[in-house]
Protein backbone atom coordinates (compact mmCIF):
# COMPACT_ATOMS: atom_id res chain seq x y z
CA UNK A 1 -1.02 -1.40 -20.43
CA UNK A 2 -1.89 1.55 -18.12
CA UNK A 3 0.97 3.15 -16.25
CA UNK A 4 1.79 1.49 -12.94
CA UNK A 5 0.83 3.73 -10.03
CA UNK A 6 2.99 4.41 -6.96
CA UNK A 7 1.84 4.35 -3.35
CA UNK A 8 4.26 5.64 -0.73
CA UNK A 9 3.34 4.06 2.58
CA UNK A 10 4.24 4.83 6.16
CA UNK A 11 3.94 8.59 5.79
CA UNK A 12 4.58 10.28 9.15
CA UNK A 13 5.12 13.94 8.27
CA UNK A 14 4.01 16.59 5.78
CA UNK A 15 7.49 17.12 4.32
CA UNK A 16 7.71 13.50 3.19
CA UNK A 17 4.13 13.59 1.92
CA UNK A 18 4.76 16.66 -0.23
CA UNK A 19 8.00 15.19 -1.59
CA UNK A 20 6.22 11.99 -2.63
CA UNK A 21 3.37 13.93 -4.26
CA UNK A 22 5.75 16.23 -6.13
CA UNK A 23 7.53 13.19 -7.57
CA UNK A 24 4.30 11.65 -8.81
CA UNK A 25 2.80 9.47 -6.07
CA UNK A 26 -0.82 8.54 -6.75
CA UNK A 27 -1.48 7.42 -3.17
CA UNK A 28 -0.06 7.88 0.31
CA UNK A 29 -0.43 5.37 3.13
CA UNK A 30 -1.00 6.26 6.77
CA UNK A 31 -0.35 3.44 9.22
CA UNK A 32 -2.70 3.22 12.18
CA UNK A 33 -1.27 -0.09 13.43
CA UNK A 34 -0.21 0.73 16.97
CA UNK A 35 2.93 -1.46 16.96
CA UNK A 36 4.33 -0.13 13.70
CA UNK A 37 7.42 2.09 13.72
CA UNK A 38 5.52 4.15 11.14
CA UNK A 39 2.40 4.55 13.27
CA UNK A 40 0.74 7.95 12.98
CA UNK A 41 -1.91 9.54 15.16
CA UNK A 42 -5.28 10.33 13.60
CA UNK A 43 -4.75 14.03 14.33
CA UNK A 44 -1.41 14.16 12.50
CA UNK A 45 -2.77 12.12 9.61
CA UNK A 46 -5.67 14.54 9.25
CA UNK A 47 -3.34 17.55 9.14
CA UNK A 48 -1.34 15.96 6.33
CA UNK A 49 -4.36 14.73 4.35
CA UNK A 50 -5.99 18.16 4.57
CA UNK A 51 -2.88 19.68 2.95
CA UNK A 52 -2.77 17.21 0.04
CA UNK A 53 -4.14 17.82 -3.47
CA UNK A 54 -7.59 16.27 -3.86
CA UNK A 55 -6.32 13.90 -6.55
CA UNK A 56 -4.05 12.07 -4.09
CA UNK A 57 -5.57 8.90 -2.67
CA UNK A 58 -5.31 8.84 1.13
CA UNK A 59 -5.06 5.24 2.36
CA UNK A 60 -5.39 4.16 5.98
CA UNK A 61 -3.65 0.95 7.04
CA UNK A 62 -5.47 -1.04 9.71
CA UNK A 63 -4.66 -4.34 11.42
CA UNK A 64 -7.56 -6.32 12.89
CA UNK A 65 -9.75 -3.36 13.82
CA UNK A 66 -13.52 -3.66 14.00
CA UNK A 67 -15.43 -2.30 11.00
CA UNK A 68 -17.10 0.28 13.24
CA UNK A 69 -13.76 1.62 14.50
CA UNK A 70 -12.34 1.79 10.98
CA UNK A 71 -15.36 3.69 9.65
CA UNK A 72 -15.21 6.18 12.52
CA UNK A 73 -11.50 6.94 12.08
CA UNK A 74 -11.59 6.91 8.29
CA UNK A 75 -14.41 9.44 8.25
CA UNK A 76 -12.69 11.61 10.86
CA UNK A 77 -9.45 11.93 8.89
CA UNK A 78 -11.07 11.91 5.43
CA UNK A 79 -9.59 8.72 3.99
CA UNK A 80 -10.38 7.57 0.47
CA UNK A 81 -9.35 3.95 0.95
CA UNK A 82 -9.00 1.55 3.86
CA UNK A 83 -6.32 -1.12 3.68
CA UNK A 84 -6.94 -4.24 5.75
CA UNK A 85 -3.55 -5.62 6.67
CA UNK A 86 -4.39 -8.25 9.28
CA UNK A 87 -6.53 -11.37 9.42
CA UNK A 88 -9.77 -9.57 8.68
CA UNK A 89 -12.54 -11.78 7.28
CA UNK A 90 -14.30 -11.06 4.01
CA UNK A 91 -17.34 -9.89 5.98
CA UNK A 92 -15.34 -6.93 7.29
CA UNK A 93 -14.36 -5.93 3.76
CA UNK A 94 -17.98 -6.20 2.67
CA UNK A 95 -19.14 -3.83 5.40
CA UNK A 96 -16.40 -1.28 4.67
CA UNK A 97 -17.06 -1.35 0.94
CA UNK A 98 -20.33 0.45 1.65
CA UNK A 99 -18.33 3.50 2.72
CA UNK A 100 -14.85 3.43 1.18
CA UNK A 101 -12.64 1.80 -1.38
CA UNK A 102 -11.08 -1.29 0.19
CA UNK A 103 -7.68 -2.88 -0.33
CA UNK A 104 -7.01 -6.28 1.22
CA UNK A 105 -3.41 -7.11 1.99
CA UNK A 106 -2.42 -10.74 1.51
CA UNK A 107 0.71 -12.20 3.07
CA UNK A 108 2.12 -14.35 0.31
CA UNK A 109 4.13 -17.26 1.65
CA UNK A 110 4.28 -21.03 1.52
CA UNK A 111 0.86 -22.52 0.96
CA UNK A 112 -0.65 -19.32 -0.40
CA UNK A 113 -3.13 -19.94 -3.19
CA UNK A 114 -5.03 -17.54 -5.40
CA UNK A 115 -8.24 -19.14 -4.17
CA UNK A 116 -7.73 -17.09 -0.99
CA UNK A 117 -8.64 -13.97 -2.97
CA UNK A 118 -12.09 -15.20 -3.98
CA UNK A 119 -14.05 -14.40 -0.78
CA UNK A 120 -12.91 -10.75 -1.00
CA UNK A 121 -13.35 -10.19 -4.73
CA UNK A 122 -16.75 -8.54 -4.63
CA UNK A 123 -15.72 -6.05 -1.92
CA UNK A 124 -12.18 -4.91 -2.67
CA UNK A 125 -10.77 -2.44 -5.18
CA UNK A 126 -7.38 -4.18 -5.19
CA UNK A 127 -5.27 -6.77 -3.42
CA UNK A 128 -1.92 -5.82 -1.92
CA UNK A 129 0.61 -8.63 -2.03
CA UNK A 130 3.13 -8.43 0.81
CA UNK A 131 5.82 -10.75 2.09
CA UNK A 132 4.86 -13.29 4.73
CA UNK A 133 6.96 -12.77 7.85
CA UNK A 134 5.50 -14.37 11.01
CA UNK A 135 4.35 -11.80 13.54
CA UNK A 136 4.83 -8.85 11.19
CA UNK A 137 2.26 -6.80 9.32
CA UNK A 138 4.18 -5.17 6.47
CA UNK A 139 7.16 -2.85 6.35
CA UNK A 140 9.61 -5.71 6.82
CA UNK A 141 11.71 -5.17 3.69
CA UNK A 142 11.21 -8.85 2.79
CA UNK A 143 10.44 -9.61 -0.83
CA UNK A 144 7.09 -11.01 -1.96
CA UNK A 145 6.89 -14.03 -4.28
CA UNK A 146 6.77 -12.35 -7.67
CA UNK A 147 5.76 -15.55 -9.46
CA UNK A 148 2.49 -15.77 -7.55
CA UNK A 149 1.95 -12.02 -7.89
CA UNK A 150 2.43 -12.23 -11.66
CA UNK A 151 -0.24 -14.93 -11.93
CA UNK A 152 -2.65 -12.93 -9.79
CA UNK A 153 -2.06 -9.73 -11.78
CA UNK A 154 -3.48 -11.35 -14.90
CA UNK A 155 -6.98 -11.35 -13.41
CA UNK A 156 -6.90 -8.91 -10.47
CA UNK A 157 -5.64 -5.42 -9.66
CA UNK A 158 -2.53 -6.23 -7.64
CA UNK A 159 -0.55 -3.71 -5.62
CA UNK A 160 2.92 -5.19 -5.28
CA UNK A 161 4.64 -4.53 -1.96
CA UNK A 162 7.35 -6.22 0.06
CA UNK A 163 11.05 -5.53 -0.33
CA UNK A 164 10.78 -3.06 -3.19
CA UNK A 165 13.69 -0.65 -3.58
CA UNK A 166 15.02 1.73 -6.23
CA UNK A 167 17.31 -1.10 -7.29
CA UNK A 168 14.59 -3.68 -8.04
CA UNK A 169 11.31 -1.84 -8.68
CA UNK A 170 11.75 -1.62 -12.46
CA UNK A 171 12.45 -5.35 -12.64
CA UNK A 172 9.41 -6.01 -10.44
CA UNK A 173 7.10 -3.96 -12.65
CA UNK A 174 8.28 -5.59 -15.86
CA UNK A 175 8.02 -9.06 -14.33
CA UNK A 176 4.73 -8.83 -12.41
CA UNK A 177 2.84 -6.10 -14.39
CA UNK A 178 0.99 -4.92 -11.26
CA UNK A 179 -1.68 -2.26 -11.00
CA UNK A 180 0.54 -0.38 -8.54
CA UNK A 181 3.68 -0.68 -6.44
CA UNK A 182 3.84 0.12 -2.73
CA UNK A 183 6.99 1.04 -0.83
CA UNK A 184 7.82 2.10 2.71
CA UNK A 185 11.16 0.91 4.11
CA UNK A 186 12.78 0.78 0.67
CA UNK A 187 12.85 4.59 0.38
CA UNK A 188 13.67 5.50 3.97
CA UNK A 189 16.73 7.00 5.63
CA UNK A 190 15.46 5.83 9.03
CA UNK A 191 12.17 4.08 9.91
CA UNK A 192 9.35 6.52 9.24
CA UNK A 193 11.54 9.10 7.52
CA UNK A 194 11.78 9.10 3.72
CA UNK A 195 15.04 9.73 1.87
CA UNK A 196 14.73 12.35 -0.87
CA UNK A 197 17.46 10.67 -2.91
CA UNK A 198 15.83 7.23 -2.64
CA UNK A 199 12.42 8.63 -3.49
CA UNK A 200 13.77 10.34 -6.60
CA UNK A 201 15.58 7.19 -7.69
CA UNK A 202 12.50 5.03 -7.03
CA UNK A 203 10.23 7.22 -9.15
CA UNK A 204 12.84 7.44 -11.90
CA UNK A 205 12.98 3.64 -12.06
CA UNK A 206 9.19 3.36 -12.09
CA UNK A 207 9.08 5.80 -15.00
CA UNK A 208 11.73 3.82 -16.83
CA UNK A 209 9.73 0.61 -16.42
CA UNK A 210 6.50 2.31 -17.45
CA UNK A 211 8.12 3.43 -20.70
CA UNK A 212 8.97 -0.20 -21.45
CA UNK A 213 5.52 -1.63 -20.77
């Protein structure tokens, strides 16, 4: 099995971005959801993305924006991937797939079925599985249902998010076998600020799990 990739989400400053990259992050997430504690301005995101190595995937997180607005911002800040984290319909993903890689976030809670992935399959690069907390769009620290994620990962590229920490990420990888893991609050000292110690521990645990795959 290929090595599980790491996406560090909720990047708000260049220092955290460089630390994540130095430790082996494959992707960094920039949150453009206005109500998020990790919200970043397009101008600041652009400054960080411009300073990153070209190999690092720059991902923009959007919640219920119009396709036109997403395309305009994503082009302006030079994103590689757009992550739809709201109630966007499949038609939005289809439009965006003409310009960027697309990730669709799914809130996995009671009543969630894998059939909900089907309308998006032809447009998205991967599905991000996040915990379902009413009124929240990610970054809650709540754990996703790993059982459902494990089933989905057999036939789809799944990015596992929701409640991941240095203490449980190795277990999550070995259980779910995802394409990638995504973490924000689990490696922070305060909301929007990453902890160097937690980042190092997180990557060490991912490496340990990857060796066992």
